[in-house]
């Protein structure tokens, strides 16, 4: 093949319409992600975007929204224990899952019920 897929630019999770403030609270304030301005051509659309390293998380609204039960983004974290403690202090339920060699991990649900994984590679 003459092409290579070289990276992921962004992932998108869905949310119900008119829930951008809940997304900003969870992804921005609780998780500490920096919100970035959407391109001018997309600013008329609902939703909000967040920067994570070189990638972005897009929260888009959907009229017939149903939370994702299985599909999920997985975020690599430095100091997973501190994140867990922070989330628990803020009332976010932590769901452990089957261990994977060389990684600590857990799942949460965002305010819309989407499954989110956080993991830290063990060295």
PDB file of N, CA and C in Angstrom:
ATOM      1  N   UNK A   1       0.847  -1.192   0.000  1.00  0.00           N
ATOM      2  CA  UNK A   1       0.000   0.000   0.000  1.00  0.00           C
ATOM      3  C   UNK A   1       0.881   1.240   0.000  1.00  0.00           C
ATOM      4  N   UNK A   2       0.387   2.282  -0.603  1.00  0.00           N
ATOM      5  CA  UNK A   2       1.131   3.523  -0.686  1.00  0.00           C
ATOM      6  C   UNK A   2       0.804   4.510   0.427  1.00  0.00           C
ATOM      7  N   UNK A   3       0.053   4.081   1.427  1.00  0.00           N
ATOM      8  CA  UNK A   3      -0.285   5.001   2.518  1.00  0.00           C
ATOM      9  C   UNK A   3      -0.013   4.340   3.856  1.00  0.00           C
ATOM     10  N   UNK A   4       0.102   5.175   4.888  1.00  0.00           N
ATOM     11  CA  UNK A   4       0.278   4.728   6.269  1.00  0.00           C
ATOM     12  C   UNK A   4      -0.661   5.526   7.146  1.00  0.00           C
ATOM     13  N   UNK A   5      -1.395   4.877   8.021  1.00  0.00           N
ATOM     14  CA  UNK A   5      -2.122   5.583   9.068  1.00  0.00           C
ATOM     15  C   UNK A   5      -1.114   5.795  10.180  1.00  0.00           C
ATOM     16  N   UNK A   6      -0.879   7.063  10.546  1.00  0.00           N
ATOM     17  CA  UNK A   6       0.246   7.363  11.441  1.00  0.00           C
ATOM     18  C   UNK A   6      -0.144   7.741  12.865  1.00  0.00           C
ATOM     19  N   UNK A   7      -1.375   8.132  13.099  1.00  0.00           N
ATOM     20  CA  UNK A   7      -1.765   8.466  14.467  1.00  0.00           C
ATOM     21  C   UNK A   7      -3.273   8.667  14.537  1.00  0.00           C
ATOM     22  N   UNK A   8      -3.736   8.856  15.749  1.00  0.00           N
ATOM     23  CA  UNK A   8      -5.137   9.230  15.974  1.00  0.00           C
ATOM     24  C   UNK A   8      -5.161  10.726  16.232  1.00  0.00           C
ATOM     25  N   UNK A   9      -5.994  11.430  15.505  1.00  0.00           N
ATOM     26  CA  UNK A   9      -6.144  12.874  15.672  1.00  0.00           C
ATOM     27  C   UNK A   9      -7.079  13.178  16.839  1.00  0.00           C
ATOM     28  N   UNK A  10      -8.220  12.489  16.878  1.00  0.00           N
ATOM     29  CA  UNK A  10      -9.188  12.718  17.946  1.00  0.00           C
ATOM     30  C   UNK A  10     -10.096  11.510  18.101  1.00  0.00           C
ATOM     31  N   UNK A  11     -10.757  11.480  19.234  1.00  0.00           N
ATOM     32  CA  UNK A  11     -11.843  10.537  19.454  1.00  0.00           C
ATOM     33  C   UNK A  11     -13.065  11.366  19.786  1.00  0.00           C
ATOM     34  N   UNK A  12     -14.214  10.797  19.543  1.00  0.00           N
ATOM     35  CA  UNK A  12     -15.444  11.517  19.858  1.00  0.00           C
ATOM     36  C   UNK A  12     -16.341  10.639  20.706  1.00  0.00           C
ATOM     37  N   UNK A  13     -16.912  11.241  21.739  1.00  0.00           N
ATOM     38  CA  UNK A  13     -17.961  10.601  22.517  1.00  0.00           C
ATOM     39  C   UNK A  13     -19.221  11.424  22.314  1.00  0.00           C
ATOM     40  N   UNK A  14     -20.350  10.780  22.456  1.00  0.00           N
ATOM     41  CA  UNK A  14     -21.620  11.460  22.256  1.00  0.00           C
ATOM     42  C   UNK A  14     -22.231  11.862  23.590  1.00  0.00           C
ATOM     43  N   UNK A  15     -23.093  12.856  23.527  1.00  0.00           N
ATOM     44  CA  UNK A  15     -23.819  13.347  24.690  1.00  0.00           C
ATOM     45  C   UNK A  15     -25.202  13.798  24.226  1.00  0.00           C
ATOM     46  N   UNK A  16     -26.147  13.885  25.140  1.00  0.00           N
ATOM     47  CA  UNK A  16     -27.459  14.412  24.747  1.00  0.00           C
ATOM     48  C   UNK A  16     -27.350  15.898  24.387  1.00  0.00           C
ATOM     49  N   UNK A  17     -28.280  16.405  23.611  1.00  0.00           N
ATOM     50  CA  UNK A  17     -28.270  17.837  23.283  1.00  0.00           C
ATOM     51  C   UNK A  17     -28.313  18.700  24.545  1.00  0.00           C
ATOM     52  N   UNK A  18     -27.694  19.864  24.452  1.00  0.00           N
ATOM     53  CA  UNK A  18     -27.716  20.879  25.504  1.00  0.00           C
ATOM     54  C   UNK A  18     -27.031  20.441  26.802  1.00  0.00           C
ATOM     55  N   UNK A  19     -26.021  19.595  26.694  1.00  0.00           N
ATOM     56  CA  UNK A  19     -25.301  19.139  27.884  1.00  0.00           C
ATOM     57  C   UNK A  19     -23.813  19.511  27.833  1.00  0.00           C
ATOM     58  N   UNK A  20     -23.475  20.553  27.129  1.00  0.00           N
ATOM     59  CA  UNK A  20     -22.085  20.966  27.038  1.00  0.00           C
ATOM     60  C   UNK A  20     -21.513  21.366  28.400  1.00  0.00           C
ATOM     61  N   UNK A  21     -22.314  21.997  29.252  1.00  0.00           N
ATOM     62  CA  UNK A  21     -21.789  22.413  30.559  1.00  0.00           C
ATOM     63  C   UNK A  21     -21.433  21.203  31.414  1.00  0.00           C
ATOM     64  N   UNK A  22     -22.215  20.136  31.340  1.00  0.00           N
ATOM     65  CA  UNK A  22     -21.875  18.905  32.066  1.00  0.00           C
ATOM     66  C   UNK A  22     -20.580  18.321  31.512  1.00  0.00           C
ATOM     67  N   UNK A  23     -20.389  18.388  30.203  1.00  0.00           N
ATOM     68  CA  UNK A  23     -19.153  17.903  29.586  1.00  0.00           C
ATOM     69  C   UNK A  23     -17.978  18.755  30.050  1.00  0.00           C
ATOM     70  N   UNK A  24     -18.150  20.061  30.086  1.00  0.00           N
ATOM     71  CA  UNK A  24     -17.070  20.944  30.535  1.00  0.00           C
ATOM     72  C   UNK A  24     -16.718  20.685  31.995  1.00  0.00           C
ATOM     73  N   UNK A  25     -17.716  20.449  32.822  1.00  0.00           N
ATOM     74  CA  UNK A  25     -17.456  20.164  34.234  1.00  0.00           C
ATOM     75  C   UNK A  25     -16.678  18.865  34.379  1.00  0.00           C
ATOM     76  N   UNK A  26     -17.128  17.801  33.721  1.00  0.00           N
ATOM     77  CA  UNK A  26     -16.477  16.505  33.878  1.00  0.00           C
ATOM     78  C   UNK A  26     -15.113  16.469  33.205  1.00  0.00           C
ATOM     79  N   UNK A  27     -15.083  16.731  31.908  1.00  0.00           N
ATOM     80  CA  UNK A  27     -13.824  16.599  31.170  1.00  0.00           C
ATOM     81  C   UNK A  27     -12.857  17.744  31.468  1.00  0.00           C
ATOM     82  N   UNK A  28     -13.380  18.955  31.639  1.00  0.00           N
ATOM     83  CA  UNK A  28     -12.525  20.104  31.901  1.00  0.00           C
ATOM     84  C   UNK A  28     -12.126  20.224  33.364  1.00  0.00           C
ATOM     85  N   UNK A  29     -13.109  20.356  34.249  1.00  0.00           N
ATOM     86  CA  UNK A  29     -12.805  20.596  35.663  1.00  0.00           C
ATOM     87  C   UNK A  29     -12.381  19.322  36.393  1.00  0.00           C
ATOM     88  N   UNK A  30     -13.148  18.257  36.272  1.00  0.00           N
ATOM     89  CA  UNK A  30     -12.844  17.036  37.024  1.00  0.00           C
ATOM     90  C   UNK A  30     -11.586  16.356  36.511  1.00  0.00           C
ATOM     91  N   UNK A  31     -11.440  16.234  35.182  1.00  0.00           N
ATOM     92  CA  UNK A  31     -10.278  15.550  34.619  1.00  0.00           C
ATOM     93  C   UNK A  31      -9.129  16.491  34.283  1.00  0.00           C
ATOM     94  N   UNK A  32      -9.388  17.786  34.286  1.00  0.00           N
ATOM     95  CA  UNK A  32      -8.316  18.754  34.041  1.00  0.00           C
ATOM     96  C   UNK A  32      -7.911  18.898  32.590  1.00  0.00           C
ATOM     97  N   UNK A  33      -8.782  18.518  31.657  1.00  0.00           N
ATOM     98  CA  UNK A  33      -8.454  18.672  30.240  1.00  0.00           C
ATOM     99  C   UNK A  33      -8.702  20.112  29.812  1.00  0.00           C
ATOM    100  N   UNK A  34      -7.860  20.591  28.922  1.00  0.00           N
ATOM    101  CA  UNK A  34      -7.985  21.958  28.415  1.00  0.00           C
ATOM    102  C   UNK A  34      -8.992  21.986  27.266  1.00  0.00           C
ATOM    103  N   UNK A  35     -10.005  22.824  27.414  1.00  0.00           N
ATOM    104  CA  UNK A  35     -10.961  22.987  26.307  1.00  0.00           C
ATOM    105  C   UNK A  35     -10.301  23.822  25.225  1.00  0.00           C
ATOM    106  N   UNK A  36     -10.502  23.422  23.983  1.00  0.00           N
ATOM    107  CA  UNK A  36      -9.974  24.173  22.844  1.00  0.00           C
ATOM    108  C   UNK A  36     -11.141  24.642  21.985  1.00  0.00           C
ATOM    109  N   UNK A  37     -10.922  25.762  21.345  1.00  0.00           N
ATOM    110  CA  UNK A  37     -11.957  26.332  20.488  1.00  0.00           C
ATOM    111  C   UNK A  37     -12.109  25.489  19.231  1.00  0.00           C
ATOM    112  N   UNK A  38     -13.361  25.236  18.879  1.00  0.00           N
ATOM    113  CA  UNK A  38     -13.619  24.510  17.638  1.00  0.00           C
ATOM    114  C   UNK A  38     -13.334  25.432  16.450  1.00  0.00           C
ATOM    115  N   UNK A  39     -13.000  24.849  15.314  1.00  0.00           N
ATOM    116  CA  UNK A  39     -12.787  25.685  14.116  1.00  0.00           C
ATOM    117  C   UNK A  39     -14.043  26.504  13.799  1.00  0.00           C
ATOM    118  N   UNK A  40     -13.830  27.658  13.237  1.00  0.00           N
ATOM    119  CA  UNK A  40     -14.943  28.566  12.921  1.00  0.00           C
ATOM    120  C   UNK A  40     -16.023  27.854  12.127  1.00  0.00           C
ATOM    121  N   UNK A  41     -15.638  27.003  11.202  1.00  0.00           N
ATOM    122  CA  UNK A  41     -16.626  26.323  10.348  1.00  0.00           C
ATOM    123  C   UNK A  41     -17.510  25.356  11.127  1.00  0.00           C
ATOM    124  N   UNK A  42     -17.116  24.976  12.351  1.00  0.00           N
ATOM    125  CA  UNK A  42     -17.901  24.019  13.148  1.00  0.00           C
ATOM    126  C   UNK A  42     -18.511  24.635  14.402  1.00  0.00           C
ATOM    127  N   UNK A  43     -18.308  25.918  14.623  1.00  0.00           N
ATOM    128  CA  UNK A  43     -18.778  26.533  15.859  1.00  0.00           C
ATOM    129  C   UNK A  43     -20.298  26.604  15.958  1.00  0.00           C
ATOM    130  N   UNK A  44     -21.006  26.491  14.862  1.00  0.00           N
ATOM    131  CA  UNK A  44     -22.484  26.513  14.919  1.00  0.00           C
ATOM    132  C   UNK A  44     -23.030  25.197  15.468  1.00  0.00           C
ATOM    133  N   UNK A  45     -22.227  24.142  15.389  1.00  0.00           N
ATOM    134  CA  UNK A  45     -22.652  22.843  15.902  1.00  0.00           C
ATOM    135  C   UNK A  45     -22.487  22.796  17.415  1.00  0.00           C
ATOM    136  N   UNK A  46     -23.338  22.002  18.063  1.00  0.00           N
ATOM    137  CA  UNK A  46     -23.224  21.811  19.501  1.00  0.00           C
ATOM    138  C   UNK A  46     -21.972  21.009  19.818  1.00  0.00           C
ATOM    139  N   UNK A  47     -21.648  20.924  21.100  1.00  0.00           N
ATOM    140  CA  UNK A  47     -20.522  20.110  21.545  1.00  0.00           C
ATOM    141  C   UNK A  47     -19.337  20.963  21.943  1.00  0.00           C
ATOM    142  N   UNK A  48     -18.300  20.294  22.440  1.00  0.00           N
ATOM    143  CA  UNK A  48     -17.075  20.974  22.850  1.00  0.00           C
ATOM    144  C   UNK A  48     -15.891  20.032  22.665  1.00  0.00           C
ATOM    145  N   UNK A  49     -14.708  20.621  22.541  1.00  0.00           N
ATOM    146  CA  UNK A  49     -13.483  19.874  22.271  1.00  0.00           C
ATOM    147  C   UNK A  49     -12.468  20.102  23.382  1.00  0.00           C
ATOM    148  N   UNK A  50     -11.661  19.056  23.644  1.00  0.00           N
ATOM    149  CA  UNK A  50     -10.624  19.118  24.668  1.00  0.00           C
ATOM    150  C   UNK A  50      -9.325  18.574  24.109  1.00  0.00           C
ATOM    151  N   UNK A  51      -8.215  19.169  24.541  1.00  0.00           N
ATOM    152  CA  UNK A  51      -6.888  18.733  24.113  1.00  0.00           C
ATOM    153  C   UNK A  51      -6.337  17.723  25.103  1.00  0.00           C
ATOM    154  N   UNK A  52      -5.735  16.635  24.585  1.00  0.00           N
ATOM    155  CA  UNK A  52      -5.062  15.623  25.408  1.00  0.00           C
ATOM    156  C   UNK A  52      -3.750  15.317  24.705  1.00  0.00           C
ATOM    157  N   UNK A  53      -2.671  15.930  25.150  1.00  0.00           N
ATOM    158  CA  UNK A  53      -1.403  15.740  24.462  1.00  0.00           C
ATOM    159  C   UNK A  53      -1.536  16.208  23.024  1.00  0.00           C
ATOM    160  N   UNK A  54      -1.167  15.353  22.076  1.00  0.00           N
ATOM    161  CA  UNK A  54      -1.252  15.700  20.658  1.00  0.00           C
ATOM    162  C   UNK A  54      -2.622  15.364  20.063  1.00  0.00           C
ATOM    163  N   UNK A  55      -3.487  14.733  20.852  1.00  0.00           N
ATOM    164  CA  UNK A  55      -4.807  14.336  20.367  1.00  0.00           C
ATOM    165  C   UNK A  55      -5.902  15.183  21.029  1.00  0.00           C
ATOM    166  N   UNK A  56      -7.104  15.000  20.527  1.00  0.00           N
ATOM    167  CA  UNK A  56      -8.235  15.716  21.096  1.00  0.00           C
ATOM    168  C   UNK A  56      -9.373  14.744  21.403  1.00  0.00           C
ATOM    169  N   UNK A  57     -10.195  15.154  22.354  1.00  0.00           N
ATOM    170  CA  UNK A  57     -11.455  14.486  22.657  1.00  0.00           C
ATOM    171  C   UNK A  57     -12.558  15.440  22.238  1.00  0.00           C
ATOM    172  N   UNK A  58     -13.451  14.979  21.380  1.00  0.00           N
ATOM    173  CA  UNK A  58     -14.585  15.789  20.956  1.00  0.00           C
ATOM    174  C   UNK A  58     -15.839  15.221  21.612  1.00  0.00           C
ATOM    175  N   UNK A  59     -16.594  16.091  22.259  1.00  0.00           N
ATOM    176  CA  UNK A  59     -17.884  15.701  22.819  1.00  0.00           C
ATOM    177  C   UNK A  59     -18.927  16.291  21.886  1.00  0.00           C
ATOM    178  N   UNK A  60     -19.624  15.413  21.176  1.00  0.00           N
ATOM    179  CA  UNK A  60     -20.635  15.848  20.223  1.00  0.00           C
ATOM    180  C   UNK A  60     -22.018  15.479  20.707  1.00  0.00           C
ATOM    181  N   UNK A  61     -22.985  16.324  20.411  1.00  0.00           N
ATOM    182  CA  UNK A  61     -24.344  16.037  20.855  1.00  0.00           C
ATOM    183  C   UNK A  61     -25.094  15.244  19.788  1.00  0.00           C
ATOM    184  N   UNK A  62     -26.047  14.470  20.267  1.00  0.00           N
ATOM    185  CA  UNK A  62     -26.795  13.566  19.392  1.00  0.00           C
ATOM    186  C   UNK A  62     -28.241  13.512  19.869  1.00  0.00           C
ATOM    187  N   UNK A  63     -29.177  13.800  18.972  1.00  0.00           N
ATOM    188  CA  UNK A  63     -30.600  13.824  19.325  1.00  0.00           C
ATOM    189  C   UNK A  63     -31.073  12.502  19.925  1.00  0.00           C
ATOM    190  N   UNK A  64     -30.756  11.396  19.286  1.00  0.00           N
ATOM    191  CA  UNK A  64     -31.220  10.080  19.749  1.00  0.00           C
ATOM    192  C   UNK A  64     -30.139   9.402  20.588  1.00  0.00           C
ATOM    193  N   UNK A  65     -29.544  10.153  21.499  1.00  0.00           N
ATOM    194  CA  UNK A  65     -28.392   9.699  22.267  1.00  0.00           C
ATOM    195  C   UNK A  65     -28.687   8.447  23.100  1.00  0.00           C
ATOM    196  N   UNK A  66     -27.759   7.504  23.016  1.00  0.00           N
ATOM    197  CA  UNK A  66     -27.701   6.333  23.894  1.00  0.00           C
ATOM    198  C   UNK A  66     -26.242   6.170  24.290  1.00  0.00           C
ATOM    199  N   UNK A  67     -25.943   6.059  25.588  1.00  0.00           N
ATOM    200  CA  UNK A  67     -24.536   5.941  25.975  1.00  0.00           C
ATOM    201  C   UNK A  67     -23.907   4.655  25.477  1.00  0.00           C
ATOM    202  N   UNK A  68     -22.634   4.727  25.215  1.00  0.00           N
ATOM    203  CA  UNK A  68     -21.889   3.557  24.774  1.00  0.00           C
ATOM    204  C   UNK A  68     -21.597   2.685  25.986  1.00  0.00           C
ATOM    205  N   UNK A  69     -21.979   1.431  25.926  1.00  0.00           N
ATOM    206  CA  UNK A  69     -21.782   0.510  27.050  1.00  0.00           C
ATOM    207  C   UNK A  69     -20.462  -0.252  26.945  1.00  0.00           C
ATOM    208  N   UNK A  70     -19.993  -0.528  25.748  1.00  0.00           N
ATOM    209  CA  UNK A  70     -18.784  -1.320  25.541  1.00  0.00           C
ATOM    210  C   UNK A  70     -17.663  -0.480  24.922  1.00  0.00           C
ATOM    211  N   UNK A  71     -17.952   0.172  23.804  1.00  0.00           N
ATOM    212  CA  UNK A  71     -16.935   1.001  23.145  1.00  0.00           C
ATOM    213  C   UNK A  71     -16.539   2.128  24.086  1.00  0.00           C
ATOM    214  N   UNK A  72     -15.246   2.482  24.083  1.00  0.00           N
ATOM    215  CA  UNK A  72     -14.792   3.504  25.011  1.00  0.00           C
ATOM    216  C   UNK A  72     -13.422   4.039  24.613  1.00  0.00           C
ATOM    217  N   UNK A  73     -13.146   5.283  25.009  1.00  0.00           N
ATOM    218  CA  UNK A  73     -11.774   5.769  24.912  1.00  0.00           C
ATOM    219  C   UNK A  73     -11.009   5.287  26.139  1.00  0.00           C
ATOM    220  N   UNK A  74      -9.707   5.131  25.994  1.00  0.00           N
ATOM    221  CA  UNK A  74      -8.834   4.771  27.111  1.00  0.00           C
ATOM    222  C   UNK A  74      -7.743   5.820  27.209  1.00  0.00           C
ATOM    223  N   UNK A  75      -7.622   6.431  28.365  1.00  0.00           N
ATOM    224  CA  UNK A  75      -6.659   7.499  28.581  1.00  0.00           C
ATOM    225  C   UNK A  75      -5.498   6.987  29.421  1.00  0.00           C
ATOM    226  N   UNK A  76      -4.280   7.195  28.944  1.00  0.00           N
ATOM    227  CA  UNK A  76      -3.083   6.850  29.709  1.00  0.00           C
ATOM    228  C   UNK A  76      -2.855   7.967  30.720  1.00  0.00           C
ATOM    229  N   UNK A  77      -2.620   7.567  31.964  1.00  0.00           N
ATOM    230  CA  UNK A  77      -2.520   8.508  33.073  1.00  0.00           C
ATOM    231  C   UNK A  77      -1.185   8.344  33.785  1.00  0.00           C
ATOM    232  N   UNK A  78      -0.627   9.447  34.230  1.00  0.00           N
ATOM    233  CA  UNK A  78       0.504   9.406  35.147  1.00  0.00           C
ATOM    234  C   UNK A  78      -0.083   9.608  36.542  1.00  0.00           C
ATOM    235  N   UNK A  79       0.134   8.658  37.429  1.00  0.00           N
ATOM    236  CA  UNK A  79      -0.392   8.618  38.803  1.00  0.00           C
ATOM    237  C   UNK A  79      -1.883   8.291  38.816  1.00  0.00           C
ATOM    238  N   UNK A  80      -2.170   7.075  38.427  1.00  0.00           N
ATOM    239  CA  UNK A  80      -3.542   6.569  38.383  1.00  0.00           C
ATOM    240  C   UNK A  80      -4.185   6.591  39.772  1.00  0.00           C
ATOM    241  N   UNK A  81      -3.398   6.344  40.809  1.00  0.00           N
ATOM    242  CA  UNK A  81      -3.941   6.354  42.169  1.00  0.00           C
ATOM    243  C   UNK A  81      -4.462   7.732  42.528  1.00  0.00           C
ATOM    244  N   UNK A  82      -3.723   8.767  42.194  1.00  0.00           N
ATOM    245  CA  UNK A  82      -4.174  10.137  42.479  1.00  0.00           C
ATOM    246  C   UNK A  82      -5.443  10.460  41.699  1.00  0.00           C
ATOM    247  N   UNK A  83      -5.511  10.047  40.437  1.00  0.00           N
ATOM    248  CA  UNK A  83      -6.728  10.268  39.655  1.00  0.00           C
ATOM    249  C   UNK A  83      -7.900   9.552  40.316  1.00  0.00           C
ATOM    250  N   UNK A  84      -7.709   8.290  40.693  1.00  0.00           N
ATOM    251  CA  UNK A  84      -8.772   7.522  41.347  1.00  0.00           C
ATOM    252  C   UNK A  84      -9.265   8.262  42.596  1.00  0.00           C
ATOM    253  N   UNK A  85      -8.325   8.703  43.433  1.00  0.00           N
ATOM    254  CA  UNK A  85      -8.700   9.422  44.656  1.00  0.00           C
ATOM    255  C   UNK A  85      -9.465  10.701  44.343  1.00  0.00           C
ATOM    256  N   UNK A  86      -9.005  11.441  43.345  1.00  0.00           N
ATOM    257  CA  UNK A  86      -9.666  12.680  42.940  1.00  0.00           C
ATOM    258  C   UNK A  86     -11.090  12.405  42.457  1.00  0.00           C
ATOM    259  N   UNK A  87     -11.252  11.389  41.635  1.00  0.00           N
ATOM    260  CA  UNK A  87     -12.584  11.053  41.123  1.00  0.00           C
ATOM    261  C   UNK A  87     -13.506  10.618  42.255  1.00  0.00           C
ATOM    262  N   UNK A  88     -12.996   9.814  43.177  1.00  0.00           N
ATOM    263  CA  UNK A  88     -13.816   9.365  44.300  1.00  0.00           C
ATOM    264  C   UNK A  88     -14.232  10.539  45.183  1.00  0.00           C
ATOM    265  N   UNK A  89     -13.315  11.488  45.415  1.00  0.00           N
ATOM    266  CA  UNK A  89     -13.661  12.686  46.198  1.00  0.00           C
ATOM    267  C   UNK A  89     -14.799  13.464  45.545  1.00  0.00           C
ATOM    268  N   UNK A  90     -14.863  13.389  44.219  1.00  0.00           N
ATOM    269  CA  UNK A  90     -15.897  14.126  43.491  1.00  0.00           C
ATOM    270  C   UNK A  90     -17.137  13.277  43.234  1.00  0.00           C
ATOM    271  N   UNK A  91     -17.196  12.084  43.840  1.00  0.00           N
ATOM    272  CA  UNK A  91     -18.390  11.258  43.758  1.00  0.00           C
ATOM    273  C   UNK A  91     -18.509  10.410  42.508  1.00  0.00           C
ATOM    274  N   UNK A  92     -17.418  10.269  41.754  1.00  0.00           N
ATOM    275  CA  UNK A  92     -17.447   9.450  40.541  1.00  0.00           C
ATOM    276  C   UNK A  92     -17.203   7.994  40.938  1.00  0.00           C
ATOM    277  N   UNK A  93     -18.070   7.106  40.506  1.00  0.00           N
ATOM    278  CA  UNK A  93     -17.939   5.689  40.829  1.00  0.00           C
ATOM    279  C   UNK A  93     -16.832   5.050  39.996  1.00  0.00           C
ATOM    280  N   UNK A  94     -15.939   4.342  40.662  1.00  0.00           N
ATOM    281  CA  UNK A  94     -14.826   3.646  40.019  1.00  0.00           C
ATOM    282  C   UNK A  94     -15.224   2.193  39.822  1.00  0.00           C
ATOM    283  N   UNK A  95     -14.988   1.668  38.624  1.00  0.00           N
ATOM    284  CA  UNK A  95     -15.291   0.268  38.327  1.00  0.00           C
ATOM    285  C   UNK A  95     -14.020  -0.451  37.904  1.00  0.00           C
ATOM    286  N   UNK A  96     -13.478  -1.304  38.778  1.00  0.00           N
ATOM    287  CA  UNK A  96     -12.306  -2.088  38.383  1.00  0.00           C
ATOM    288  C   UNK A  96     -12.689  -3.064  37.269  1.00  0.00           C
ATOM    289  N   UNK A  97     -11.692  -3.568  36.579  1.00  0.00           N
ATOM    290  CA  UNK A  97     -11.964  -4.524  35.508  1.00  0.00           C
ATOM    291  C   UNK A  97     -10.840  -5.555  35.505  1.00  0.00           C
ATOM    292  N   UNK A  98     -10.969  -6.522  34.629  1.00  0.00           N
ATOM    293  CA  UNK A  98      -9.976  -7.579  34.508  1.00  0.00           C
ATOM    294  C   UNK A  98      -8.586  -6.978  34.321  1.00  0.00           C
ATOM    295  N   UNK A  99      -7.619  -7.399  35.143  1.00  0.00           N
ATOM    296  CA  UNK A  99      -6.259  -6.868  34.996  1.00  0.00           C
ATOM    297  C   UNK A  99      -5.649  -7.229  33.637  1.00  0.00           C
ATOM    298  N   UNK A 100      -4.751  -6.374  33.181  1.00  0.00           N
ATOM    299  CA  UNK A 100      -3.963  -6.620  31.977  1.00  0.00           C
ATOM    300  C   UNK A 100      -2.503  -6.531  32.400  1.00  0.00           C
ATOM    301  N   UNK A 101      -1.701  -7.502  32.006  1.00  0.00           N
ATOM    302  CA  UNK A 101      -0.289  -7.504  32.391  1.00  0.00           C
ATOM    303  C   UNK A 101       0.371  -6.169  32.085  1.00  0.00           C
ATOM    304  N   UNK A 102       1.093  -5.648  33.067  1.00  0.00           N
ATOM    305  CA  UNK A 102       1.863  -4.428  32.873  1.00  0.00           C
ATOM    306  C   UNK A 102       1.067  -3.150  32.955  1.00  0.00           C
ATOM    307  N   UNK A 103      -0.217  -3.247  33.338  1.00  0.00           N
ATOM    308  CA  UNK A 103      -1.063  -2.052  33.399  1.00  0.00           C
ATOM    309  C   UNK A 103      -1.991  -2.107  34.605  1.00  0.00           C
ATOM    310  N   UNK A 104      -2.174  -0.987  35.226  1.00  0.00           N
ATOM    311  CA  UNK A 104      -3.242  -0.793  36.205  1.00  0.00           C
ATOM    312  C   UNK A 104      -4.337  -0.039  35.476  1.00  0.00           C
ATOM    313  N   UNK A 105      -5.598  -0.352  35.777  1.00  0.00           N
ATOM    314  CA  UNK A 105      -6.667   0.347  35.069  1.00  0.00           C
ATOM    315  C   UNK A 105      -7.968   0.291  35.838  1.00  0.00           C
ATOM    316  N   UNK A 106      -8.861   1.206  35.471  1.00  0.00           N
ATOM    317  CA  UNK A 106     -10.234   1.187  35.962  1.00  0.00           C
ATOM    318  C   UNK A 106     -11.109   1.943  34.970  1.00  0.00           C
ATOM    319  N   UNK A 107     -12.407   1.805  35.157  1.00  0.00           N
ATOM    320  CA  UNK A 107     -13.388   2.460  34.301  1.00  0.00           C
ATOM    321  C   UNK A 107     -14.269   3.382  35.134  1.00  0.00           C
ATOM    322  N   UNK A 108     -14.812   4.398  34.487  1.00  0.00           N
ATOM    323  CA  UNK A 108     -15.844   5.256  35.069  1.00  0.00           C
ATOM    324  C   UNK A 108     -16.888   5.478  33.974  1.00  0.00           C
ATOM    325  N   UNK A 109     -17.965   6.117  34.355  1.00  0.00           N
ATOM    326  CA  UNK A 109     -18.934   6.593  33.366  1.00  0.00           C
ATOM    327  C   UNK A 109     -18.911   8.101  33.399  1.00  0.00           C
ATOM    328  N   UNK A 110     -18.941   8.704  32.209  1.00  0.00           N
ATOM    329  CA  UNK A 110     -19.021  10.159  32.162  1.00  0.00           C
ATOM    330  C   UNK A 110     -20.449  10.569  32.549  1.00  0.00           C
ATOM    331  N   UNK A 111     -20.758  11.852  32.619  1.00  0.00           N
ATOM    332  CA  UNK A 111     -22.090  12.275  33.062  1.00  0.00           C
ATOM    333  C   UNK A 111     -23.227  11.765  32.180  1.00  0.00           C
ATOM    334  N   UNK A 112     -22.882  11.261  31.004  1.00  0.00           N
ATOM    335  CA  UNK A 112     -23.904  10.813  30.055  1.00  0.00           C
ATOM    336  C   UNK A 112     -24.031   9.293  30.013  1.00  0.00           C
ATOM    337  N   UNK A 113     -23.196   8.597  30.803  1.00  0.00           N
ATOM    338  CA  UNK A 113     -23.231   7.139  30.856  1.00  0.00           C
ATOM    339  C   UNK A 113     -22.252   6.447  29.941  1.00  0.00           C
ATOM    340  N   UNK A 114     -21.416   7.212  29.218  1.00  0.00           N
ATOM    341  CA  UNK A 114     -20.400   6.603  28.357  1.00  0.00           C
ATOM    342  C   UNK A 114     -19.306   5.978  29.218  1.00  0.00           C
ATOM    343  N   UNK A 115     -18.811   4.839  28.798  1.00  0.00           N
ATOM    344  CA  UNK A 115     -17.740   4.130  29.486  1.00  0.00           C
ATOM    345  C   UNK A 115     -16.398   4.789  29.136  1.00  0.00           C
ATOM    346  N   UNK A 116     -15.581   5.075  30.160  1.00  0.00           N
ATOM    347  CA  UNK A 116     -14.276   5.708  29.987  1.00  0.00           C
ATOM    348  C   UNK A 116     -13.259   4.885  30.763  1.00  0.00           C
ATOM    349  N   UNK A 117     -12.142   4.546  30.122  1.00  0.00           N
ATOM    350  CA  UNK A 117     -11.085   3.788  30.788  1.00  0.00           C
ATOM    351  C   UNK A 117      -9.889   4.692  31.068  1.00  0.00           C
ATOM    352  N   UNK A 118      -9.285   4.505  32.242  1.00  0.00           N
ATOM    353  CA  UNK A 118      -8.028   5.161  32.593  1.00  0.00           C
ATOM    354  C   UNK A 118      -7.034   4.071  32.923  1.00  0.00           C
ATOM    355  N   UNK A 119      -5.810   4.208  32.400  1.00  0.00           N
ATOM    356  CA  UNK A 119      -4.804   3.188  32.675  1.00  0.00           C
ATOM    357  C   UNK A 119      -3.435   3.809  32.832  1.00  0.00           C
ATOM    358  N   UNK A 120      -2.599   3.094  33.583  1.00  0.00           N
ATOM    359  CA  UNK A 120      -1.213   3.512  33.774  1.00  0.00           C
ATOM    360  C   UNK A 120      -0.343   2.299  33.509  1.00  0.00           C
ATOM    361  N   UNK A 121       0.676   2.496  32.674  1.00  0.00           N
ATOM    362  CA  UNK A 121       1.627   1.418  32.395  1.00  0.00           C
ATOM    363  C   UNK A 121       2.592   1.304  33.547  1.00  0.00           C
ATOM    364  N   UNK A 122       2.832   0.080  33.996  1.00  0.00           N
ATOM    365  CA  UNK A 122       3.761  -0.174  35.087  1.00  0.00           C
ATOM    366  C   UNK A 122       5.154  -0.352  34.499  1.00  0.00           C
ATOM    367  N   UNK A 123       6.148   0.198  35.168  1.00  0.00           N
ATOM    368  CA  UNK A 123       7.517   0.071  34.642  1.00  0.00           C
ATOM    369  C   UNK A 123       8.352  -0.842  35.493  1.00  0.00           C
TER     370      UNK A 123
END
